[in-house]
PDB file of all heavy atoms in Angstrom:
ATOM      1  N   VAL A   1      49.202  81.679 204.665  1.00  0.00           N
ATOM      2  CA  VAL A   1      48.736  80.943 205.807  1.00  0.00           C
ATOM      3  C   VAL A   1      47.685  81.769 206.659  1.00  0.00           C
ATOM      4  O   VAL A   1      46.824  81.276 207.286  1.00  0.00           O
ATOM      5  CB  VAL A   1      49.913  80.468 206.674  1.00  0.00           C
ATOM      6  CG1 VAL A   1      50.658  81.640 207.168  1.00  0.00           C
ATOM      7  CG2 VAL A   1      49.431  79.490 207.804  1.00  0.00           C
ATOM      8  N   ASP A   2      47.991  83.137 206.656  1.00  0.00           N
ATOM      9  CA  ASP A   2      46.884  84.015 207.427  1.00  0.00           C
ATOM     10  C   ASP A   2      45.571  83.976 206.847  1.00  0.00           C
ATOM     11  O   ASP A   2      44.575  83.962 207.579  1.00  0.00           O
ATOM     12  CB  ASP A   2      47.466  85.449 207.416  1.00  0.00           C
ATOM     13  CG  ASP A   2      47.805  86.002 206.038  1.00  0.00           C
ATOM     14  OD1 ASP A   2      48.315  85.281 205.148  1.00  0.00           O
ATOM     15  OD2 ASP A   2      47.606  87.276 205.835  1.00  0.00           O
ATOM     16  N   LEU A   3      45.572  83.951 205.510  1.00  0.00           N
ATOM     17  CA  LEU A   3      44.170  83.750 204.817  1.00  0.00           C
ATOM     18  C   LEU A   3      43.600  82.401 205.177  1.00  0.00           C
ATOM     19  O   LEU A   3      42.305  82.266 205.241  1.00  0.00           O
ATOM     20  CB  LEU A   3      44.442  83.892 203.375  1.00  0.00           C
ATOM     21  CG  LEU A   3      45.060  85.018 202.770  1.00  0.00           C
ATOM     22  CD1 LEU A   3      45.248  85.074 201.298  1.00  0.00           C
ATOM     23  CD2 LEU A   3      44.259  86.311 203.182  1.00  0.00           C
ATOM     24  N   ALA A   4      44.345  81.431 205.300  1.00  0.00           N
ATOM     25  CA  ALA A   4      43.748  80.023 205.586  1.00  0.00           C
ATOM     26  C   ALA A   4      43.269  80.006 207.006  1.00  0.00           C
ATOM     27  O   ALA A   4      42.167  79.562 207.296  1.00  0.00           O
ATOM     28  CB  ALA A   4      44.919  78.974 205.568  1.00  0.00           C
ATOM     29  N   ILE A   5      43.979  80.714 208.004  1.00  0.00           N
ATOM     30  CA  ILE A   5      43.386  80.870 209.284  1.00  0.00           C
ATOM     31  C   ILE A   5      42.064  81.588 209.363  1.00  0.00           C
ATOM     32  O   ILE A   5      41.070  81.104 210.013  1.00  0.00           O
ATOM     33  CB  ILE A   5      44.500  81.457 210.211  1.00  0.00           C
ATOM     34  CG1 ILE A   5      45.688  80.535 210.360  1.00  0.00           C
ATOM     35  CG2 ILE A   5      43.924  81.776 211.650  1.00  0.00           C
ATOM     36  CD1 ILE A   5      46.926  81.204 211.111  1.00  0.00           C
ATOM     37  N   GLU A   6      42.062  82.682 208.626  1.00  0.00           N
ATOM     38  CA  GLU A   6      40.700  83.521 208.551  1.00  0.00           C
ATOM     39  C   GLU A   6      39.702  82.642 207.929  1.00  0.00           C
ATOM     40  O   GLU A   6      38.505  82.774 208.434  1.00  0.00           O
ATOM     41  CB  GLU A   6      40.952  84.726 207.822  1.00  0.00           C
ATOM     42  CG  GLU A   6      41.989  85.820 208.419  1.00  0.00           C
ATOM     43  CD  GLU A   6      42.466  86.799 207.621  1.00  0.00           C
ATOM     44  OE1 GLU A   6      41.970  87.016 206.474  1.00  0.00           O
ATOM     45  OE2 GLU A   6      43.314  87.666 207.964  1.00  0.00           O
ATOM     46  N   ALA A   7      39.999  81.893 206.855  1.00  0.00           N
ATOM     47  CA  ALA A   7      39.002  81.113 206.249  1.00  0.00           C
ATOM     48  C   ALA A   7      38.491  79.979 207.204  1.00  0.00           C
ATOM     49  O   ALA A   7      37.304  79.746 207.162  1.00  0.00           O
ATOM     50  CB  ALA A   7      39.562  80.470 205.000  1.00  0.00           C
ATOM     51  N   CYS A   8      39.373  79.489 207.898  1.00  0.00           N
ATOM     52  CA  CYS A   8      39.000  78.288 208.912  1.00  0.00           C
ATOM     53  C   CYS A   8      37.960  78.996 209.979  1.00  0.00           C
ATOM     54  O   CYS A   8      36.935  78.320 210.301  1.00  0.00           O
ATOM     55  CB  CYS A   8      40.291  77.912 209.585  1.00  0.00           C
ATOM     56  SG  CYS A   8      39.935  76.612 210.855  1.00  0.00           S
ATOM     57  N   LYS A   9      38.271  80.126 210.397  1.00  0.00           N
ATOM     58  CA  LYS A   9      37.465  80.809 211.427  1.00  0.00           C
ATOM     59  C   LYS A   9      36.013  81.050 210.816  1.00  0.00           C
ATOM     60  O   LYS A   9      34.952  80.781 211.444  1.00  0.00           O
ATOM     61  CB  LYS A   9      37.987  82.097 211.909  1.00  0.00           C
ATOM     62  CG  LYS A   9      37.234  82.708 212.978  1.00  0.00           C
ATOM     63  CD  LYS A   9      38.072  83.901 213.630  1.00  0.00           C
ATOM     64  CE  LYS A   9      37.374  84.473 214.954  1.00  0.00           C
ATOM     65  NZ  LYS A   9      38.135  85.552 215.459  1.00  0.00           N
ATOM     66  N   LEU A  10      35.916  81.496 209.541  1.00  0.00           N
ATOM     67  CA  LEU A  10      34.763  81.756 208.885  1.00  0.00           C
ATOM     68  C   LEU A  10      33.822  80.384 208.757  1.00  0.00           C
ATOM     69  O   LEU A  10      32.762  80.469 208.942  1.00  0.00           O
ATOM     70  CB  LEU A  10      34.934  82.384 207.478  1.00  0.00           C
ATOM     71  CG  LEU A  10      35.524  83.802 207.481  1.00  0.00           C
ATOM     72  CD1 LEU A  10      35.972  84.226 205.970  1.00  0.00           C
ATOM     73  CD2 LEU A  10      34.499  84.735 208.080  1.00  0.00           C
ATOM     74  N   LEU A  11      34.503  79.354 208.386  1.00  0.00           N
ATOM     75  CA  LEU A  11      33.851  78.058 208.279  1.00  0.00           C
ATOM     76  C   LEU A  11      33.215  77.597 209.650  1.00  0.00           C
ATOM     77  O   LEU A  11      32.152  77.114 209.648  1.00  0.00           O
ATOM     78  CB  LEU A  11      34.702  76.951 207.652  1.00  0.00           C
ATOM     79  CG  LEU A  11      35.199  77.126 206.300  1.00  0.00           C
ATOM     80  CD1 LEU A  11      36.369  76.170 205.945  1.00  0.00           C
ATOM     81  CD2 LEU A  11      34.076  76.916 205.339  1.00  0.00           C
ATOM     82  N   LEU A  12      33.967  77.788 210.769  1.00  0.00           N
ATOM     83  CA  LEU A  12      33.442  77.397 211.999  1.00  0.00           C
ATOM     84  C   LEU A  12      32.193  78.353 212.339  1.00  0.00           C
ATOM     85  O   LEU A  12      31.165  77.843 212.879  1.00  0.00           O
ATOM     86  CB  LEU A  12      34.489  77.647 213.025  1.00  0.00           C
ATOM     87  CG  LEU A  12      35.730  76.571 212.951  1.00  0.00           C
ATOM     88  CD1 LEU A  12      36.717  76.868 214.094  1.00  0.00           C
ATOM     89  CD2 LEU A  12      35.160  75.262 213.132  1.00  0.00           C
ATOM     90  N   VAL A  13      32.293  79.590 212.076  1.00  0.00           N
ATOM     91  CA  VAL A  13      31.132  80.454 212.421  1.00  0.00           C
ATOM     92  C   VAL A  13      29.955  80.007 211.687  1.00  0.00           C
ATOM     93  O   VAL A  13      28.797  80.171 212.116  1.00  0.00           O
ATOM     94  CB  VAL A  13      31.495  81.887 212.048  1.00  0.00           C
ATOM     95  CG1 VAL A  13      30.297  82.871 212.132  1.00  0.00           C
ATOM     96  CG2 VAL A  13      32.617  82.518 212.962  1.00  0.00           C
ATOM     97  N   ASP A  14      30.075  79.485 210.446  1.00  0.00           N
ATOM     98  CA  ASP A  14      28.972  79.150 209.575  1.00  0.00           C
ATOM     99  C   ASP A  14      28.574  77.517 209.956  1.00  0.00           C
ATOM    100  O   ASP A  14      27.665  77.039 209.256  1.00  0.00           O
ATOM    101  CB  ASP A  14      29.293  79.176 208.101  1.00  0.00           C
ATOM    102  CG  ASP A  14      29.344  80.681 207.603  1.00  0.00           C
ATOM    103  OD1 ASP A  14      28.806  81.542 208.407  1.00  0.00           O
ATOM    104  OD2 ASP A  14      29.878  80.839 206.529  1.00  0.00           O
ATOM    105  N   GLY A  15      29.075  77.070 210.952  1.00  0.00           N
ATOM    106  CA  GLY A  15      28.659  75.766 211.466  1.00  0.00           C
ATOM    107  C   GLY A  15      29.257  74.566 210.851  1.00  0.00           C
ATOM    108  O   GLY A  15      28.832  73.337 211.128  1.00  0.00           O
ATOM    109  N   TYR A  16      30.405  74.740 210.037  1.00  0.00           N
ATOM    110  CA  TYR A  16      31.050  73.490 209.439  1.00  0.00           C
ATOM    111  C   TYR A  16      31.950  72.845 210.424  1.00  0.00           C
ATOM    112  O   TYR A  16      32.654  73.530 211.163  1.00  0.00           O
ATOM    113  CB  TYR A  16      31.805  74.031 208.168  1.00  0.00           C
ATOM    114  CG  TYR A  16      30.820  74.396 207.111  1.00  0.00           C
ATOM    115  CD1 TYR A  16      30.323  75.654 206.954  1.00  0.00           C
ATOM    116  CD2 TYR A  16      30.649  73.356 206.108  1.00  0.00           C
ATOM    117  CE1 TYR A  16      29.455  75.967 205.843  1.00  0.00           C
ATOM    118  CE2 TYR A  16      29.768  73.721 204.985  1.00  0.00           C
ATOM    119  CZ  TYR A  16      29.178  74.997 204.914  1.00  0.00           C
ATOM    120  OH  TYR A  16      28.394  75.319 203.941  1.00  0.00           O
ATOM    121  N   LYS A  17      31.800  71.556 210.505  1.00  0.00           N
ATOM    122  CA  LYS A  17      32.689  70.754 211.372  1.00  0.00           C
ATOM    123  C   LYS A  17      33.920  70.344 210.639  1.00  0.00           C
ATOM    124  O   LYS A  17      33.961  69.522 209.656  1.00  0.00           O
ATOM    125  CB  LYS A  17      31.885  69.463 211.784  1.00  0.00           C
ATOM    126  CG  LYS A  17      30.725  69.885 212.658  1.00  0.00           C
ATOM    127  CD  LYS A  17      29.859  68.526 213.011  1.00  0.00           C
ATOM    128  CE  LYS A  17      30.661  67.569 213.875  1.00  0.00           C
ATOM    129  NZ  LYS A  17      29.962  66.434 214.276  1.00  0.00           N
ATOM    130  N   ILE A  18      34.971  70.946 210.952  1.00  0.00           N
ATOM    131  CA  ILE A  18      36.383  70.798 210.179  1.00  0.00           C
ATOM    132  C   ILE A  18      37.565  70.809 211.154  1.00  0.00           C
ATOM    133  O   ILE A  18      37.412  71.031 212.287  1.00  0.00           O
ATOM    134  CB  ILE A  18      36.570  71.927 209.232  1.00  0.00           C
ATOM    135  CG1 ILE A  18      36.739  73.260 210.032  1.00  0.00           C
ATOM    136  CG2 ILE A  18      35.365  72.075 208.268  1.00  0.00           C
ATOM    137  CD1 ILE A  18      37.229  74.438 209.214  1.00  0.00           C
ATOM    138  N   LYS A  19      38.474  70.067 210.635  1.00  0.00           N
ATOM    139  CA  LYS A  19      39.885  70.197 211.215  1.00  0.00           C
ATOM    140  C   LYS A  19      40.787  70.584 210.105  1.00  0.00           C
ATOM    141  O   LYS A  19      40.658  69.846 208.912  1.00  0.00           O
ATOM    142  CB  LYS A  19      40.293  68.755 211.747  1.00  0.00           C
ATOM    143  CG  LYS A  19      39.514  68.304 212.970  1.00  0.00           C
ATOM    144  CD  LYS A  19      40.035  69.087 214.213  1.00  0.00           C
ATOM    145  CE  LYS A  19      39.405  68.420 215.552  1.00  0.00           C
ATOM    146  NZ  LYS A  19      39.805  69.082 216.719  1.00  0.00           N
ATOM    147  N   TRP A  20      41.481  71.727 210.292  1.00  0.00           N
ATOM    148  CA  TRP A  20      42.379  72.173 209.214  1.00  0.00           C
ATOM    149  C   TRP A  20      43.789  71.916 209.639  1.00  0.00           C
ATOM    150  O   TRP A  20      44.279  72.527 210.725  1.00  0.00           O
ATOM    151  CB  TRP A  20      42.170  73.692 208.942  1.00  0.00           C
ATOM    152  CG  TRP A  20      42.763  74.207 207.717  1.00  0.00           C
ATOM    153  CD1 TRP A  20      44.019  73.953 207.146  1.00  0.00           C
ATOM    154  CD2 TRP A  20      42.079  75.157 206.774  1.00  0.00           C
ATOM    155  NE1 TRP A  20      44.103  74.662 206.047  1.00  0.00           N
ATOM    156  CE2 TRP A  20      42.975  75.377 205.802  1.00  0.00           C
ATOM    157  CE3 TRP A  20      40.866  75.676 206.848  1.00  0.00           C
ATOM    158  CZ2 TRP A  20      42.760  76.286 204.719  1.00  0.00           C
ATOM    159  CZ3 TRP A  20      40.517  76.636 205.787  1.00  0.00           C
ATOM    160  CH2 TRP A  20      41.437  76.888 204.715  1.00  0.00           C
ATOM    161  N   TYR A  21      44.608  71.160 208.958  1.00  0.00           N
ATOM    162  CA  TYR A  21      46.004  70.868 209.226  1.00  0.00           C
ATOM    163  C   TYR A  21      46.927  71.475 208.346  1.00  0.00           C
ATOM    164  O   TYR A  21      46.649  71.787 207.231  1.00  0.00           O
ATOM    165  CB  TYR A  21      46.252  69.369 209.196  1.00  0.00           C
ATOM    166  CG  TYR A  21      45.473  68.532 210.284  1.00  0.00           C
ATOM    167  CD1 TYR A  21      44.231  68.079 209.917  1.00  0.00           C
ATOM    168  CD2 TYR A  21      46.039  68.279 211.435  1.00  0.00           C
ATOM    169  CE1 TYR A  21      43.455  67.405 210.912  1.00  0.00           C
ATOM    170  CE2 TYR A  21      45.343  67.511 212.486  1.00  0.00           C
ATOM    171  CZ  TYR A  21      43.999  67.014 212.083  1.00  0.00           C
ATOM    172  OH  TYR A  21      43.257  66.397 212.994  1.00  0.00           O
ATOM    173  N   HIS A  22      48.138  71.927 208.894  1.00  0.00           N
ATOM    174  CA  HIS A  22      49.099  72.515 207.964  1.00  0.00           C
ATOM    175  C   HIS A  22      50.450  71.851 208.234  1.00  0.00           C
ATOM    176  O   HIS A  22      50.979  71.518 209.267  1.00  0.00           O
ATOM    177  CB  HIS A  22      49.245  74.004 208.502  1.00  0.00           C
ATOM    178  CG  HIS A  22      50.192  74.741 207.535  1.00  0.00           C
ATOM    179  ND1 HIS A  22      51.670  74.627 207.648  1.00  0.00           N
ATOM    180  CD2 HIS A  22      50.016  75.637 206.518  1.00  0.00           C
ATOM    181  CE1 HIS A  22      52.187  75.405 206.771  1.00  0.00           C
ATOM    182  NE2 HIS A  22      51.241  76.090 206.049  1.00  0.00           N
ATOM    183  N   ILE A  23      51.123  71.535 207.009  1.00  0.00           N
ATOM    184  CA  ILE A  23      52.440  70.862 207.070  1.00  0.00           C
ATOM    185  C   ILE A  23      53.409  71.877 206.523  1.00  0.00           C
ATOM    186  O   ILE A  23      53.260  72.454 205.436  1.00  0.00           O
ATOM    187  CB  ILE A  23      52.484  69.573 206.271  1.00  0.00           C
ATOM    188  CG1 ILE A  23      51.637  68.473 206.862  1.00  0.00           C
ATOM    189  CG2 ILE A  23      53.913  69.140 206.099  1.00  0.00           C
ATOM    190  CD1 ILE A  23      51.504  67.216 206.057  1.00  0.00           C
ATOM    191  N   GLY A  24      54.514  72.025 207.291  1.00  0.00           N
ATOM    192  CA  GLY A  24      55.499  72.981 206.949  1.00  0.00           C
ATOM    193  C   GLY A  24      55.953  73.893 208.055  1.00  0.00           C
ATOM    194  O   GLY A  24      55.193  74.082 209.094  1.00  0.00           O
ATOM    195  N   ASP A  25      56.953  74.615 207.851  1.00  0.00           N
ATOM    196  CA  ASP A  25      57.346  75.664 208.847  1.00  0.00           C
ATOM    197  C   ASP A  25      57.910  76.887 208.044  1.00  0.00           C
ATOM    198  O   ASP A  25      57.798  76.944 206.825  1.00  0.00           O
ATOM    199  CB  ASP A  25      58.568  75.169 209.779  1.00  0.00           C
ATOM    200  CG  ASP A  25      59.860  74.873 209.155  1.00  0.00           C
ATOM    201  OD1 ASP A  25      59.956  74.978 208.044  1.00  0.00           O
ATOM    202  OD2 ASP A  25      60.694  74.378 209.934  1.00  0.00           O
ATOM    203  N   GLY A  26      58.406  77.938 208.781  1.00  0.00           N
ATOM    204  CA  GLY A  26      58.857  79.117 208.114  1.00  0.00           C
ATOM    205  C   GLY A  26      58.962  80.255 209.039  1.00  0.00           C
ATOM    206  O   GLY A  26      58.774  80.128 210.332  1.00  0.00           O
ATOM    207  N   ASN A  27      59.342  81.425 208.555  1.00  0.00           N
ATOM    208  CA  ASN A  27      59.718  82.553 209.280  1.00  0.00           C
ATOM    209  C   ASN A  27      58.443  83.149 210.071  1.00  0.00           C
ATOM    210  O   ASN A  27      58.580  84.070 210.844  1.00  0.00           O
ATOM    211  CB  ASN A  27      60.522  83.684 208.417  1.00  0.00           C
ATOM    212  CG  ASN A  27      59.718  84.079 207.254  1.00  0.00           C
ATOM    213  OD1 ASN A  27      58.528  83.732 207.147  1.00  0.00           O
ATOM    214  ND2 ASN A  27      60.437  84.761 206.332  1.00  0.00           N
ATOM    215  N   TRP A  28      57.290  82.731 209.679  1.00  0.00           N
ATOM    216  CA  TRP A  28      56.078  83.386 210.321  1.00  0.00           C
ATOM    217  C   TRP A  28      55.672  82.391 211.435  1.00  0.00           C
ATOM    218  O   TRP A  28      54.543  82.500 211.876  1.00  0.00           O
ATOM    219  CB  TRP A  28      54.983  83.424 209.235  1.00  0.00           C
ATOM    220  CG  TRP A  28      54.872  84.844 208.741  1.00  0.00           C
ATOM    221  CD1 TRP A  28      55.862  85.757 208.721  1.00  0.00           C
ATOM    222  CD2 TRP A  28      53.595  85.445 208.296  1.00  0.00           C
ATOM    223  NE1 TRP A  28      55.258  86.859 208.091  1.00  0.00           N
ATOM    224  CE2 TRP A  28      54.006  86.753 207.768  1.00  0.00           C
ATOM    225  CE3 TRP A  28      52.334  84.923 208.035  1.00  0.00           C
ATOM    226  CZ2 TRP A  28      52.999  87.568 207.302  1.00  0.00           C
ATOM    227  CZ3 TRP A  28      51.477  85.737 207.482  1.00  0.00           C
ATOM    228  CH2 TRP A  28      51.760  87.114 207.125  1.00  0.00           C
ATOM    229  N   GLY A  29      56.474  81.467 211.827  1.00  0.00           N
ATOM    230  CA  GLY A  29      56.052  80.458 212.766  1.00  0.00           C
ATOM    231  C   GLY A  29      55.425  80.955 214.071  1.00  0.00           C
ATOM    232  O   GLY A  29      54.320  80.695 214.424  1.00  0.00           O
ATOM    233  N   ASN A  30      56.109  81.908 214.717  1.00  0.00           N
ATOM    234  CA  ASN A  30      55.625  82.381 215.976  1.00  0.00           C
ATOM    235  C   ASN A  30      54.362  83.206 215.718  1.00  0.00           C
ATOM    236  O   ASN A  30      53.452  83.279 216.496  1.00  0.00           O
ATOM    237  CB  ASN A  30      56.803  83.244 216.699  1.00  0.00           C
ATOM    238  CG  ASN A  30      57.749  82.365 217.219  1.00  0.00           C
ATOM    239  OD1 ASN A  30      57.738  81.132 217.585  1.00  0.00           O
ATOM    240  ND2 ASN A  30      58.990  82.880 217.266  1.00  0.00           N
ATOM    241  N   LYS A  31      54.351  83.935 214.748  1.00  0.00           N
ATOM    242  CA  LYS A  31      53.287  84.904 214.362  1.00  0.00           C
ATOM    243  C   LYS A  31      52.108  84.069 214.018  1.00  0.00           C
ATOM    244  O   LYS A  31      50.897  84.406 214.454  1.00  0.00           O
ATOM    245  CB  LYS A  31      53.568  85.630 213.058  1.00  0.00           C
ATOM    246  CG  LYS A  31      52.544  86.669 212.739  1.00  0.00           C
ATOM    247  CD  LYS A  31      52.964  87.595 211.535  1.00  0.00           C
ATOM    248  CE  LYS A  31      51.909  88.556 211.104  1.00  0.00           C
ATOM    249  NZ  LYS A  31      52.412  89.424 210.097  1.00  0.00           N
ATOM    250  N   VAL A  32      52.174  82.943 213.341  1.00  0.00           N
ATOM    251  CA  VAL A  32      51.084  81.961 212.997  1.00  0.00           C
ATOM    252  C   VAL A  32      50.429  81.432 214.225  1.00  0.00           C
ATOM    253  O   VAL A  32      49.233  81.414 214.419  1.00  0.00           O
ATOM    254  CB  VAL A  32      51.498  80.940 211.969  1.00  0.00           C
ATOM    255  CG1 VAL A  32      50.357  79.881 211.900  1.00  0.00           C
ATOM    256  CG2 VAL A  32      51.702  81.480 210.549  1.00  0.00           C
ATOM    257  N   LYS A  33      51.329  80.925 215.117  1.00  0.00           N
ATOM    258  CA  LYS A  33      50.872  80.372 216.410  1.00  0.00           C
ATOM    259  C   LYS A  33      50.048  81.459 217.255  1.00  0.00           C
ATOM    260  O   LYS A  33      49.073  81.155 217.922  1.00  0.00           O
ATOM    261  CB  LYS A  33      52.118  79.987 217.220  1.00  0.00           C
ATOM    262  CG  LYS A  33      52.700  78.682 216.738  1.00  0.00           C
ATOM    263  CD  LYS A  33      53.983  78.256 217.390  1.00  0.00           C
ATOM    264  CE  LYS A  33      54.721  77.159 216.864  1.00  0.00           C
ATOM    265  NZ  LYS A  33      55.933  76.761 217.533  1.00  0.00           N
ATOM    266  N   LYS A  34      50.518  82.787 217.200  1.00  0.00           N
ATOM    267  CA  LYS A  34      49.737  83.746 217.879  1.00  0.00           C
ATOM    268  C   LYS A  34      48.448  83.966 217.195  1.00  0.00           C
ATOM    269  O   LYS A  34      47.384  84.180 217.922  1.00  0.00           O
ATOM    270  CB  LYS A  34      50.673  84.975 217.904  1.00  0.00           C
ATOM    271  CG  LYS A  34      50.001  86.125 218.810  1.00  0.00           C
ATOM    272  CD  LYS A  34      50.852  87.373 218.753  1.00  0.00           C
ATOM    273  CE  LYS A  34      50.389  88.464 219.548  1.00  0.00           C
ATOM    274  NZ  LYS A  34      51.136  89.700 219.645  1.00  0.00           N
ATOM    275  N   MET A  35      48.488  83.971 215.896  1.00  0.00           N
ATOM    276  CA  MET A  35      47.148  84.187 215.149  1.00  0.00           C
ATOM    277  C   MET A  35      46.131  83.135 215.552  1.00  0.00           C
ATOM    278  O   MET A  35      44.961  83.381 215.689  1.00  0.00           O
ATOM    279  CB  MET A  35      47.474  84.219 213.738  1.00  0.00           C
ATOM    280  CG  MET A  35      48.188  85.470 213.102  1.00  0.00           C
ATOM    281  SD  MET A  35      48.605  85.286 211.472  1.00  0.00           S
ATOM    282  CE  MET A  35      46.907  85.239 210.732  1.00  0.00           C
ATOM    283  N   ILE A  36      46.620  81.896 215.537  1.00  0.00           N
ATOM    284  CA  ILE A  36      45.811  80.747 215.875  1.00  0.00           C
ATOM    285  C   ILE A  36      45.140  80.962 217.299  1.00  0.00           C
ATOM    286  O   ILE A  36      43.968  80.604 217.529  1.00  0.00           O
ATOM    287  CB  ILE A  36      46.475  79.392 215.735  1.00  0.00           C
ATOM    288  CG1 ILE A  36      46.879  79.197 214.231  1.00  0.00           C
ATOM    289  CG2 ILE A  36      45.678  78.183 216.333  1.00  0.00           C
ATOM    290  CD1 ILE A  36      47.764  78.006 214.143  1.00  0.00           C
ATOM    291  N   GLU A  37      46.051  81.322 218.268  1.00  0.00           N
ATOM    292  CA  GLU A  37      45.560  81.447 219.658  1.00  0.00           C
ATOM    293  C   GLU A  37      44.507  82.570 219.789  1.00  0.00           C
ATOM    294  O   GLU A  37      43.477  82.423 220.453  1.00  0.00           O
ATOM    295  CB  GLU A  37      46.750  81.747 220.573  1.00  0.00           C
ATOM    296  CG  GLU A  37      47.776  80.536 220.708  1.00  0.00           C
ATOM    297  CD  GLU A  37      48.953  80.870 221.438  1.00  0.00           C
ATOM    298  OE1 GLU A  37      48.999  82.081 221.924  1.00  0.00           O
ATOM    299  OE2 GLU A  37      49.853  80.054 221.654  1.00  0.00           O
ATOM    300  N   GLU A  38      44.886  83.687 219.184  1.00  0.00           N
ATOM    301  CA  GLU A  38      43.936  84.759 219.149  1.00  0.00           C
ATOM    302  C   GLU A  38      42.668  84.586 218.485  1.00  0.00           C
ATOM    303  O   GLU A  38      41.566  85.151 218.823  1.00  0.00           O
ATOM    304  CB  GLU A  38      44.665  86.006 218.535  1.00  0.00           C
ATOM    305  CG  GLU A  38      45.742  86.479 219.342  1.00  0.00           C
ATOM    306  CD  GLU A  38      46.493  87.720 218.723  1.00  0.00           C
ATOM    307  OE1 GLU A  38      46.199  87.976 217.520  1.00  0.00           O
ATOM    308  OE2 GLU A  38      47.255  88.356 219.364  1.00  0.00           O
TER     309      GLU A  38
END
């Protein structure tokens, strides 16, 4: 999921209009939310 977040950021930098959704939860939940915010 960290790779997905990084890829999402790269797409935005290159000007792509996207919405990236994720279904699921797990032990990285809080970490992922922090990564998204940062």
